[in-house]
């Protein structure tokens, strides 16, 4: 199943930030900021990118292995999900739909078998602040079992 527009935007932003860490000279963060600005406007783009970077960082620090991603700048490659990207979108989908058990299992797979409460917490915060289908208040509180 293809990612919905919010998941697709999140994936694109994360890919640009992963590229920034993999090849700093590419300055992928600038492309992420452009992408965010095109989707949410200049006032909200900075906060969106900041929250995506926080999610990328917690994921990078929780894993022993590198996160495999496709380059967002490649028109063909960006249409395909790596297994890591698919798990990441599955995690966000589980959190969006209040499926805490599924979210914990996927987070553990994403983090090389180690549970990551930080990844779950930041994923919930990111979704509450930015996902259009969140019904709970967008305060930066810990994720509840009811979804975003």
Foldseek 3Di string as FASTA:
>chain_A
DDDDPVLLLLQLLLLLVLVCVVPVVVVSNVVNLVSQCVPPNNVCSVVLSVLSVQLSVLLVVLAPDDQDAFHSVDPVRSRDGDPLSVLVSQLLVCQQALVVVSNQVSCCVSSVNDGDQSNQLSSQLSCLQDPPPDDDHNDSDGRDSRHD
